[in-house]
C-alpha cells in the first residue's frame, strides 16, 4: 500500500497552508483487483512489488535518521483570475527525524511579526489496492514508469484524488506525483499538488520541489482565500 502522508503548516499571518514535514510511502503486494500489464519486461504488479521493497527499506532508514535541510517557500494569495494579490517568502532551516519536525530556524521572512508558524497536520492517503480507484500504467520513459490514478465514482467523492505517480525505473523510488482533489474535505474547496523527489545519500527519497494551488472557503463564505505555493528543498544534511 502506498501511503501519501502529508503535514501542511498553516501560515498564521496569511491564514494559508504553509509547508510540509515529509511524505512517507508504502506499497503493498496484496492487490485485490486485476491491474493492467506494463511494457515488455515488467508487469505493473512486478513494478509495484519492486517499489514495495524499496519503500520498506527507505522507511526503516528515514524513521531512524535525523536530517537538516533548507526550505525556500513562496505562498501567494491570488485573485479569481489568477493575478497576484499578496505574497509571503520565507527561508528556513529545518531539522527533522522521520516525519517529526524537531526545529525550524527562520533565516528570512517577508511576513510581519516573528515569522513563527502554527502547526496544522492533515493526513492524506492513497492505496494501490483501494477498490475506489482504477490504476493503470499509462507511460514508460527511459527513467520512469507513469501510473494513472482515477476514482471509480463519477463525480469523485469527497477527498478522492486523481492524477499520476511516477516510479523510478532503476531504483524504484517515487520520483514525482501530480494529484488533484476535485472535492476536498473541510474548508479547503479546491486543491492540487505536484512534488518531485530525489534520492538522498542515506538511501531514501526526499522532496526537492513542490507546487500547489487551492481555494479555502470558511465561516459560511465570509472567508475566501485562493492561493498558490512553491517550495524548494535543498542542502540536505544527515545529522545521525
Protein backbone atom coordinates (compact mmCIF):
# COMPACT_ATOMS: atom_id res chain seq x y z
CA UNK A 1 0.00 0.00 0.00
CA UNK A 2 1.29 3.42 -0.86
CA UNK A 3 0.63 5.99 1.84
CA UNK A 4 0.99 9.65 0.99
CA UNK A 5 1.36 11.20 4.41
CA UNK A 6 1.42 14.95 4.27
CA UNK A 7 1.80 17.50 7.06
CA UNK A 8 0.97 21.03 5.88
CA UNK A 9 1.64 24.07 8.03
CA UNK A 10 -0.84 26.91 8.33
CA UNK A 11 0.56 30.43 7.83
CA UNK A 12 -0.62 32.36 10.89
CA UNK A 13 -0.45 35.81 9.28
CA UNK A 14 -1.95 34.83 5.93
CA UNK A 15 -4.28 32.06 7.08
CA UNK A 16 -2.97 29.74 4.38
CA UNK A 17 -1.48 26.28 4.22
CA UNK A 18 2.30 26.75 4.57
CA UNK A 19 4.76 23.90 4.13
CA UNK A 20 5.14 20.25 4.75
CA UNK A 21 7.04 17.91 7.02
CA UNK A 22 7.60 14.97 4.71
CA UNK A 23 5.88 12.38 2.65
CA UNK A 24 6.14 8.65 3.55
CA UNK A 25 5.35 5.99 1.02
CA UNK A 26 4.41 2.29 1.44
CA UNK A 27 3.32 -0.01 -1.42
CA UNK A 28 1.76 -3.37 -0.55
CA UNK A 29 1.99 -6.59 -2.57
CA UNK A 30 -1.56 -7.71 -1.83
CA UNK A 31 -3.72 -6.43 -4.67
CA UNK A 32 -7.44 -7.08 -4.58
CA UNK A 33 -8.06 -6.17 -8.20
CA UNK A 34 -6.56 -7.06 -11.57
CA UNK A 35 -4.06 -4.42 -12.72
CA UNK A 36 -3.07 -3.69 -16.30
CA UNK A 37 0.15 -5.10 -17.66
CA UNK A 38 3.22 -2.92 -18.05
CA UNK A 39 5.59 -2.66 -21.02
CA UNK A 40 7.57 -5.73 -22.16
CA UNK A 41 9.79 -7.00 -19.35
CA UNK A 42 7.80 -5.98 -16.28
CA UNK A 43 4.11 -6.06 -15.44
CA UNK A 44 2.60 -3.40 -13.22
CA UNK A 45 2.42 -5.94 -10.40
CA UNK A 46 6.17 -6.53 -10.69
CA UNK A 47 6.89 -2.80 -10.75
CA UNK A 48 4.89 -2.27 -7.57
CA UNK A 49 6.47 -5.31 -5.91
CA UNK A 50 9.94 -3.79 -6.51
CA UNK A 51 8.76 -0.39 -5.32
CA UNK A 52 7.33 -2.01 -2.19
CA UNK A 53 10.72 -3.48 -1.26
CA UNK A 54 12.45 -0.12 -1.77
CA UNK A 55 9.78 1.75 0.22
CA UNK A 56 10.16 -0.54 3.23
CA UNK A 57 13.93 -0.04 3.30
CA UNK A 58 13.52 3.72 2.85
CA UNK A 59 11.02 3.90 5.69
CA UNK A 60 13.23 2.00 8.13
CA UNK A 61 16.14 4.34 7.35
CA UNK A 62 14.02 7.50 7.44
CA UNK A 63 12.44 6.86 10.83
CA UNK A 64 15.88 6.47 12.44
CA UNK A 65 17.65 9.32 10.65
CA UNK A 66 17.86 12.98 11.66
CA UNK A 67 18.29 15.38 8.75
CA UNK A 68 18.60 19.11 8.28
CA UNK A 69 17.59 20.95 5.12
CA UNK A 70 16.86 24.40 3.75
CA UNK A 71 13.30 25.27 2.75
CA UNK A 72 12.56 28.17 0.43
CA UNK A 73 8.83 28.83 0.22
CA UNK A 74 6.62 31.35 -1.52
CA UNK A 75 2.94 31.49 -0.61
CA UNK A 76 0.67 33.70 -2.69
CA UNK A 77 -2.85 34.95 -2.36
CA UNK A 78 -4.33 35.34 -5.81
CA UNK A 79 -7.46 36.85 -7.30
CA UNK A 80 -10.01 34.64 -9.05
CA UNK A 81 -8.43 35.49 -12.41
CA UNK A 82 -5.02 34.27 -11.17
CA UNK A 83 -3.39 37.68 -10.73
CA UNK A 84 -1.26 38.19 -7.61
CA UNK A 85 -2.91 39.73 -4.56
CA UNK A 86 -0.15 39.32 -1.96
CA UNK A 87 2.93 37.17 -1.42
CA UNK A 88 4.98 35.84 1.52
CA UNK A 89 8.51 34.49 1.06
CA UNK A 90 10.33 32.54 3.76
CA UNK A 91 13.71 30.81 4.01
CA UNK A 92 14.12 28.39 6.91
CA UNK A 93 16.48 25.71 8.19
CA UNK A 94 14.53 22.67 9.36
CA UNK A 95 15.72 19.74 11.45
CA UNK A 96 13.60 16.62 11.21
CA UNK A 97 13.58 12.96 12.24
CA UNK A 98 11.19 10.71 10.38
CA UNK A 99 8.01 12.74 9.96
CA UNK A 100 8.64 14.75 13.15
CA UNK A 101 9.93 18.30 12.80
CA UNK A 102 12.42 18.93 15.62
CA UNK A 103 13.23 22.57 14.95
CA UNK A 104 12.65 25.39 12.47
CA UNK A 105 15.02 28.35 12.24
CA UNK A 106 13.67 31.27 10.21
CA UNK A 107 16.52 32.82 8.21
CA UNK A 108 14.42 35.44 6.46
CA UNK A 109 10.75 36.16 6.02
CA UNK A 110 8.60 38.84 4.43
CA UNK A 111 5.81 38.15 6.91
CA UNK A 112 5.11 40.66 9.66
CA UNK A 113 5.83 39.70 13.26
CA UNK A 114 8.18 36.96 14.43
CA UNK A 115 7.76 34.71 11.42
CA UNK A 116 6.73 31.77 13.60
CA UNK A 117 4.16 29.36 12.24
CA UNK A 118 1.45 27.25 13.79
CA UNK A 119 1.33 23.53 13.02
CA UNK A 120 -1.75 22.03 11.47
CA UNK A 121 -1.47 18.44 10.28
CA UNK A 122 -3.53 16.93 7.51
CA UNK A 123 -3.05 13.27 6.60
CA UNK A 124 -3.88 12.16 3.10
CA UNK A 125 -3.65 8.58 1.92
CA UNK A 126 -4.00 6.61 -1.28
CA UNK A 127 -3.60 2.84 -1.68
CA UNK A 128 -2.92 0.95 -4.88
CA UNK A 129 -5.32 -1.77 -3.70
CA UNK A 130 -8.06 0.72 -2.83
CA UNK A 131 -11.25 -0.55 -4.54
CA UNK A 132 -12.42 3.05 -5.01
CA UNK A 133 -9.73 3.69 -7.66
CA UNK A 134 -8.64 2.42 -11.06
CA UNK A 135 -4.89 2.15 -11.65
CA UNK A 136 -3.07 1.72 -14.94
CA UNK A 137 0.41 2.06 -16.34
CA UNK A 138 -0.01 4.78 -18.94
CA UNK A 139 3.56 5.56 -20.00
CA UNK A 140 7.17 4.41 -19.70
CA UNK A 141 10.16 6.67 -20.36
CA UNK A 142 13.87 5.93 -20.08
CA UNK A 143 13.82 6.98 -16.43
CA UNK A 144 10.39 6.15 -15.01
CA UNK A 145 7.03 4.38 -15.12
CA UNK A 146 3.94 6.60 -15.01
CA UNK A 147 0.88 5.24 -13.19
CA UNK A 148 -2.55 6.80 -13.61
CA UNK A 149 -4.85 7.08 -10.57
CA UNK A 150 -8.57 7.63 -11.27
CA UNK A 151 -11.52 7.41 -8.85
CA UNK A 152 -14.20 4.91 -9.92
CA UNK A 153 -17.00 7.17 -8.72
CA UNK A 154 -18.25 9.90 -11.07
CA UNK A 155 -18.14 12.62 -9.94
CA UNK A 156 -15.33 11.80 -7.46
CA UNK A 157 -16.33 11.53 -3.81
CA UNK A 158 -15.15 13.98 -1.16
CA UNK A 159 -11.39 13.76 -0.60
CA UNK A 160 -10.63 11.46 -3.56
CA UNK A 161 -7.58 12.04 -5.78
CA UNK A 162 -6.96 11.88 -9.49
CA UNK A 163 -3.62 12.16 -11.24
CA UNK A 164 -0.32 10.39 -11.87
CA UNK A 165 2.56 8.88 -9.90
CA UNK A 166 5.99 8.23 -11.44
CA UNK A 167 8.27 5.43 -10.19
CA UNK A 168 12.00 5.37 -10.99
CA UNK A 169 12.95 2.55 -13.38
CA UNK A 170 16.35 1.81 -11.85
CA UNK A 171 15.84 2.32 -8.10
CA UNK A 172 12.01 2.03 -7.90
CA UNK A 173 11.52 5.03 -5.62
CA UNK A 174 8.74 7.54 -6.32
CA UNK A 175 10.22 10.31 -8.48
CA UNK A 176 7.18 12.52 -8.85
CA UNK A 177 3.45 12.77 -8.38
CA UNK A 178 0.83 15.14 -9.70
CA UNK A 179 -2.53 14.88 -7.92
CA UNK A 180 -5.72 16.88 -7.77
CA UNK A 181 -8.60 16.69 -5.28
CA UNK A 182 -11.76 17.83 -7.10
CA UNK A 183 -13.83 17.84 -3.88
CA UNK A 184 -11.56 18.31 -0.81
CA UNK A 185 -12.74 17.96 2.77
CA UNK A 186 -13.48 20.79 5.19
CA UNK A 187 -12.82 24.45 4.37
CA UNK A 188 -10.49 23.50 1.51
CA UNK A 189 -12.71 23.59 -1.59
CA UNK A 190 -10.04 23.11 -4.29
CA UNK A 191 -6.60 21.54 -4.02
CA UNK A 192 -3.89 20.30 -6.39
CA UNK A 193 -0.26 19.38 -5.65
CA UNK A 194 2.86 18.35 -7.56
CA UNK A 195 6.01 17.02 -5.85
CA UNK A 196 9.42 15.95 -7.10
CA UNK A 197 11.77 13.62 -5.19
CA UNK A 198 15.43 12.63 -5.36
CA UNK A 199 17.43 10.00 -3.52
CA UNK A 200 19.40 11.26 -0.55
CA UNK A 201 22.86 9.83 0.04
CA UNK A 202 21.47 8.00 3.06
CA UNK A 203 19.32 5.81 0.83
CA UNK A 204 15.81 7.29 0.93
CA UNK A 205 13.88 9.72 -1.26
CA UNK A 206 13.37 13.31 -0.13
CA UNK A 207 11.31 16.14 -1.66
CA UNK A 208 13.20 18.68 -3.75
CA UNK A 209 10.29 20.69 -5.12
CA UNK A 210 6.60 21.22 -4.57
CA UNK A 211 3.91 23.32 -6.22
CA UNK A 212 0.34 23.60 -5.00
CA UNK A 213 -2.81 25.61 -5.51
CA UNK A 214 -6.16 25.73 -3.78
CA UNK A 215 -9.18 27.59 -2.59
CA UNK A 216 -10.30 27.97 1.04
CA UNK A 217 -13.85 28.94 1.97
CA UNK A 218 -14.83 29.16 5.64
CA UNK A 219 -17.27 30.78 8.08
CA UNK A 220 -20.24 30.38 5.71
CA UNK A 221 -18.38 32.08 2.89
CA UNK A 222 -17.12 35.06 4.89
CA UNK A 223 -13.51 33.92 4.43
CA UNK A 224 -12.49 33.19 0.84
CA UNK A 225 -8.82 32.67 0.03
CA UNK A 226 -7.42 31.47 -3.26
CA UNK A 227 -3.73 30.56 -3.01
CA UNK A 228 -0.72 29.13 -4.79
CA UNK A 229 2.56 27.94 -3.30
CA UNK A 230 6.02 26.98 -4.45
CA UNK A 231 8.57 25.19 -2.25
CA UNK A 232 12.19 24.23 -2.84
CA UNK A 233 14.06 21.85 -0.53
CA UNK A 234 17.86 21.84 -0.66
CA UNK A 235 21.16 21.44 1.25
CA UNK A 236 20.16 18.16 2.88
CA UNK A 237 22.49 17.06 5.65
CA UNK A 238 22.35 13.80 7.61
CA UNK A 239 22.99 14.55 11.28
CA UNK A 240 22.78 10.99 12.68
